[in-house]
Amino acid sequence: MAKPALKAKTHPHFRDLRDFIDLLEETGNLYRIGDRIDKNSELMPLVRWQYQGLPDGQRKAFLFENVTDPQGRDYDCRVAVGALGASREIYKMALGVAEDNHAGAVAERWNHALSRPIPPRIVKSGPVKEVILKGRAVSRPDGGVLRFPVPISNPGFDGGPFLTAPYVVTKDPETGVANVGTYRCMIKGPDKLGVSVSPAQHIGIHFHKCKEKKVPLQAAIVLGCAPAIGLASVAKVGYDRNEYAVAGGIAGEAIALVKCESVDLEVPARAEIVIEGEIPTGVMEPEGPFGEFTGYMGGQLMNGIFLVKCITHRKDPILQMFTEGVPSESGVMRKMGYESTLYKLLKYDCNIPSVLNVTLHESSGSRKFVVIRMKKTNPAQPWQALQAAVALDPSHGKILVTVDEDIDSEDADSVNWALSFRMQPHRDVKITTHKFAGLDPSAAPPGSSHTEARFPSPSGCSAIMIDATRKWPYPPVALPSKKYMEAARAKWEKLGLPPLKPKMPWYGYSLGHWDEEDVENAESALRGDYQQVAERLQKKAIKI
């Protein structure tokens, strides 16, 4: 069945996750699953099939309404998966970009949000305070975070259930600026979770600042809220940026926040679930294994622990989850968000107006393979863009490529064409070191120390930068010229042949090097004057 046409608002402000789920259902982008589903062995494998068996445009969100566990427990909580990035269409809906908008609309929407953030506003209360759990309600064996049906993402391999869509709120202990980031959390008990505090992430910076002060890091885990907050949480924004303000820029109005019950933090008033607590800074313990964004299982890693002090939630809450791996929902969200952040950095902050778009390929976990498409006006611009992009984040960007405007940066075949015939490795390639591994299994063998796995000695990991733009005029692209291809397409359709999806390039065009004789010969050939062409060529014969 065809999906109803999407009518995007100028400033889409979905108050909460429930508003957006309603829109997903209205537009045919939601599966409601009423069957009894086991959270450990059935739920995520069912969702995974759409990533392993369907193209992006056919993927939808899932809402599981009858979730159980191997012991037959019934949960008073639903589970939503794919509700922000099951497909690029869903991501655009969450961002407020109409499906038929121009190709750069997502990047421009992000540029608007980052350039015009709207600070949040504090309200006295909200739906997230409908149920407040403290003390024994948090610590009892079947209470705390175990009240919620957290699925196992990769049954048969994962070491337990993980929260994969937690928006973890912390503050810089010196400046008080809040960070909202998505860092996976392992369920370890009713009042204890593992939490990733990688030093390359903003939460890691907060963690180490608190460690120097010998105080725990206060934190709140938000599960399920307005799409704008989730999009800002996953995107890469500057360290001094408040993601709540960026979310306000996306929504077009201030995000309503409430004070936490047990820590000095603010959380969305209409969130589904909030877990409040502290991360001790004097201890770490193993966490994992877990199926990572790389498409490989990540082994046990030393990470922080989150000690739960209080839980607040709505009545009949919805637990939001992301899929990981390649491809996945988190891959779509990283791709769309990081592309937009890089686009703004390069085009506006670094003053490279020739940048047309940036693509992160999902097969690289939407982190490692970066293609920058540009219409360069001087030979320095590709390197200006490459060096700025590689410096944005120490764990992102392993293979970075600049290509010309006639290359489709989304199409690996088109990019490979540029790599094969528009660059020379001895001249157009540079390697930089001192990069962070970011869970890349090629960085160090299994069993390596925590430090070695993240920053292998002596100089960490590396990135390769490739200028695959043309360095001088080229002969034309070897395809029929545009008018003949357009006429042939009309004939194709008249003949009732299968529908076409043209890929760049689909017609021949000049790239600057083609003389008048070549043009004349081609015109003669079209008229059928082959002998005339042969005579011209014969005049250039040489003796050997």
Foldseek 3Di string as FASTA:
>chain_A
DAFPFDDFDPFAWQFWLVSLVVVCVNRVQEDEAADEAAQAPGDQVVLVCCQVPHDQVPFHKYKYDFYAHPVGDTALAIAIECCQFSHLCNVCRLLRHGPPDDPCPLLVLLLQLQVQFAAADEDAAAQLQPDKDFDCQQAPQCHAPVSDSQHANDRPFKPAGKFQQWQKWFAQPVPRAIATAGWIWADDTSFKIFTALDCLDLSVVSLVNCVVVQHWTWMKIFFTIRSLLSLLRLFDDDSRDRSQRSSCSSNVHHFYWYADDPDGDIDGNHTAKMWTFTWRSPAWDWHIQGQAQLQRTFHTATTIMTGTGMMTGHRSGYGYHWRHHQQTRSLRSLFSRHFSVLCCCLVPVLPLVQFDTKGQASNRSSFAEIETEGADPDPCSLVSSQVSVCPSTLQGYAEYEYEYNLADPHDPVSVVVLVVPAFDCVPFKDKDFQGWNNSPCVQDDPPDDNVCNGANPDTRGMHMYGYSYHPDFDAKDPFAADVVLVVVVVVCVVVVHDDDDDDGPPHIDGRDDDDPLNVVQVVCVVVVNPVVNVVVVVVVDDDD
